């Protein structure tokens, strides 16, 4: 049986190649491989003038790089002595219901004097505005227009229905926190 299937497949390849269908066959194989290996989320996107489409730098990248489209500085905070910078990416998205976009710094942030002010940016599925990130400036070097500065990761999320109870189920850990499991 396996030989018959293999023979059929080889014959199919020969026929496809002989009539110039190699490109079609390759496209089918690539799409089949992609469909078997990774789930793809279709997202409508709007790009402002000069904005760059978010990209996955490698085939194994989880995050899509966001490129700085414009920069805005806040006034120096007299109490803290710190200043913030807001990065606009010129990108708006219609993230499907049931998913969220999560904006993280790229690993290159270690080369800059920046800290994302809220640690992770959460982009809800019903948000349609421009995606941006606010950083606390902690050094001299910052991202400039055109730089790959942050990355957005898309994750499936769940809604919750809360039920108020007088007590919760017992666990080995209980209410222990902040190092209670060791370390």
Protein backbone atom coordinates (compact mmCIF):
# COMPACT_ATOMS: atom_id res chain seq x y z
CA UNK A 1 0.00 0.00 0.00
CA UNK A 2 2.80 2.43 0.91
CA UNK A 3 4.54 1.67 -2.39
CA UNK A 4 1.33 2.40 -4.28
CA UNK A 5 0.93 5.78 -2.53
CA UNK A 6 4.58 6.62 -3.12
CA UNK A 7 4.28 5.60 -6.79
CA UNK A 8 1.17 7.80 -7.17
CA UNK A 9 2.97 10.75 -5.55
CA UNK A 10 6.03 10.35 -7.82
CA UNK A 11 3.77 10.13 -10.88
CA UNK A 12 1.89 13.23 -9.70
CA UNK A 13 5.20 15.12 -9.33
CA UNK A 14 6.28 14.08 -12.82
CA UNK A 15 3.01 15.23 -14.34
CA UNK A 16 3.03 18.51 -12.45
CA UNK A 17 6.63 19.23 -13.45
CA UNK A 18 6.03 18.33 -17.07
CA UNK A 19 3.18 20.83 -17.40
CA UNK A 20 4.97 23.63 -15.58
CA UNK A 21 3.07 23.20 -12.34
CA UNK A 22 6.15 23.01 -10.14
CA UNK A 23 5.53 26.48 -8.68
CA UNK A 24 1.96 25.52 -7.80
CA UNK A 25 3.11 22.28 -6.21
CA UNK A 26 5.79 24.04 -4.20
CA UNK A 27 3.28 26.63 -2.98
CA UNK A 28 0.94 23.84 -1.88
CA UNK A 29 3.77 22.05 -0.05
CA UNK A 30 4.96 25.23 1.70
CA UNK A 31 1.42 26.14 2.76
CA UNK A 32 0.83 22.56 3.97
CA UNK A 33 4.06 22.60 5.98
CA UNK A 34 3.20 26.01 7.46
CA UNK A 35 -0.32 24.85 8.32
CA UNK A 36 1.07 21.75 10.04
CA UNK A 37 3.69 23.63 12.08
CA UNK A 38 2.25 26.99 13.18
CA UNK A 39 -1.17 28.48 13.73
CA UNK A 40 -1.59 31.75 11.86
CA UNK A 41 -3.81 34.54 13.20
CA UNK A 42 -5.28 36.84 10.54
CA UNK A 43 -5.13 40.46 11.73
CA UNK A 44 -6.31 43.55 9.86
CA UNK A 45 -3.74 46.32 10.18
CA UNK A 46 -3.65 50.04 9.40
CA UNK A 47 -0.32 51.76 8.76
CA UNK A 48 0.20 55.50 9.16
CA UNK A 49 2.36 57.33 6.63
CA UNK A 50 5.97 56.25 7.01
CA UNK A 51 5.13 53.32 9.27
CA UNK A 52 6.76 49.92 8.79
CA UNK A 53 4.81 46.66 8.81
CA UNK A 54 5.61 44.62 11.96
CA UNK A 55 7.86 41.69 11.06
CA UNK A 56 8.96 38.40 12.56
CA UNK A 57 12.75 38.51 12.22
CA UNK A 58 13.11 34.73 11.90
CA UNK A 59 10.79 31.83 11.16
CA UNK A 60 10.91 30.91 14.84
CA UNK A 61 10.25 34.40 16.21
CA UNK A 62 7.35 34.64 18.65
CA UNK A 63 7.22 38.43 18.60
CA UNK A 64 6.72 40.78 15.67
CA UNK A 65 9.16 43.69 15.69
CA UNK A 66 7.66 47.17 15.96
CA UNK A 67 9.54 50.03 14.32
CA UNK A 68 9.61 53.55 15.76
CA UNK A 69 7.57 55.92 13.57
CA UNK A 70 7.80 59.01 15.77
CA UNK A 71 9.06 60.01 19.22
CA UNK A 72 7.57 62.33 21.84
CA UNK A 73 9.28 63.43 25.06
CA UNK A 74 7.44 64.31 28.26
CA UNK A 75 8.58 67.24 30.38
CA UNK A 76 11.12 66.47 33.08
CA UNK A 77 9.34 65.38 36.28
CA UNK A 78 10.51 67.81 39.00
CA UNK A 79 9.77 65.33 41.83
CA UNK A 80 11.57 62.31 40.40
CA UNK A 81 14.06 64.09 38.17
CA UNK A 82 13.16 61.64 35.41
CA UNK A 83 11.85 62.03 31.92
CA UNK A 84 9.77 59.69 29.77
CA UNK A 85 9.77 59.07 26.04
CA UNK A 86 6.75 57.83 24.09
CA UNK A 87 7.34 55.75 21.00
CA UNK A 88 4.64 55.64 18.35
CA UNK A 89 4.78 52.82 15.82
CA UNK A 90 2.25 54.12 13.28
CA UNK A 91 0.41 50.81 13.51
CA UNK A 92 -3.21 50.13 14.46
CA UNK A 93 -4.64 46.61 14.55
CA UNK A 94 -7.98 44.83 14.72
CA UNK A 95 -6.92 41.96 16.96
CA UNK A 96 -9.59 39.24 16.84
CA UNK A 97 -11.80 38.65 19.86
CA UNK A 98 -10.32 35.99 22.12
CA UNK A 99 -6.77 37.26 21.58
CA UNK A 100 -4.62 40.03 22.96
CA UNK A 101 -1.47 41.76 21.81
CA UNK A 102 1.31 42.09 24.36
CA UNK A 103 4.08 44.64 23.78
CA UNK A 104 7.48 43.75 25.24
CA UNK A 105 10.89 45.39 24.93
CA UNK A 106 13.24 43.64 22.52
CA UNK A 107 16.41 42.19 24.00
CA UNK A 108 18.34 45.14 22.51
CA UNK A 109 16.82 47.35 25.22
CA UNK A 110 19.83 46.36 27.37
CA UNK A 111 21.94 48.61 25.09
CA UNK A 112 19.75 51.61 25.85
CA UNK A 113 18.96 53.61 28.96
CA UNK A 114 15.25 52.72 28.82
CA UNK A 115 12.68 50.84 30.89
CA UNK A 116 9.14 50.20 29.65
CA UNK A 117 7.10 52.12 32.22
CA UNK A 118 4.35 49.51 32.62
CA UNK A 119 6.57 46.43 32.03
CA UNK A 120 4.19 44.96 29.40
CA UNK A 121 1.80 46.82 27.15
CA UNK A 122 -1.57 45.08 26.82
CA UNK A 123 -3.44 45.67 23.55
CA UNK A 124 -7.07 44.58 23.94
CA UNK A 125 -9.00 43.13 21.01
CA UNK A 126 -11.41 46.09 21.02
CA UNK A 127 -8.64 48.76 20.88
CA UNK A 128 -8.30 50.37 17.46
CA UNK A 129 -5.88 53.21 18.18
CA UNK A 130 -2.22 53.52 17.34
CA UNK A 131 0.06 51.19 19.29
CA UNK A 132 2.67 52.99 21.35
CA UNK A 133 5.00 52.42 24.30
CA UNK A 134 6.13 54.75 27.09
CA UNK A 135 9.59 54.34 28.59
CA UNK A 136 11.38 55.86 31.55
CA UNK A 137 14.69 57.32 30.37
CA UNK A 138 17.47 56.02 32.60
CA UNK A 139 20.50 56.74 30.45
CA UNK A 140 21.82 58.66 27.46
CA UNK A 141 20.92 56.38 24.54
CA UNK A 142 17.37 55.97 23.25
CA UNK A 143 15.68 54.46 20.19
CA UNK A 144 15.35 56.70 17.15
CA UNK A 145 12.80 56.83 14.31
CA UNK A 146 13.23 53.73 12.13
CA UNK A 147 14.71 51.54 14.90
CA UNK A 148 13.25 48.15 15.78
CA UNK A 149 12.40 48.96 19.38
CA UNK A 150 9.69 46.67 20.74
CA UNK A 151 7.87 43.49 19.83
CA UNK A 152 4.24 42.47 19.93
CA UNK A 153 3.22 38.92 20.82
CA UNK A 154 -0.30 37.61 20.17
CA UNK A 155 -1.78 35.26 22.74
CA UNK A 156 -5.10 33.53 23.17
CA UNK A 157 -6.88 34.91 26.23
CA UNK A 158 -9.89 33.85 28.25
CA UNK A 159 -12.69 35.84 29.83
CA UNK A 160 -13.52 35.06 33.45
CA UNK A 161 -16.77 34.67 35.36
CA UNK A 162 -16.09 35.27 39.05
CA UNK A 163 -18.00 33.51 41.82
CA UNK A 164 -17.69 34.97 45.32
CA UNK A 165 -17.04 32.28 47.97
CA UNK A 166 -16.48 32.44 51.73
CA UNK A 167 -13.43 30.15 51.40
CA UNK A 168 -11.28 28.69 48.64
CA UNK A 169 -10.07 25.13 48.07
CA UNK A 170 -6.99 24.13 50.10
CA UNK A 171 -3.59 23.69 48.42
CA UNK A 172 -0.13 22.70 49.63
CA UNK A 173 1.05 26.29 49.20
CA UNK A 174 -1.99 27.97 50.69
CA UNK A 175 -1.55 31.73 51.05
CA UNK A 176 2.26 31.63 51.04
CA UNK A 177 3.84 34.08 48.63
CA UNK A 178 6.99 36.08 47.95
CA UNK A 179 9.55 33.31 48.19
CA UNK A 180 7.45 30.82 50.12
CA UNK A 181 8.29 28.03 47.64
CA UNK A 182 12.04 28.48 48.12
CA UNK A 183 14.82 30.52 46.63
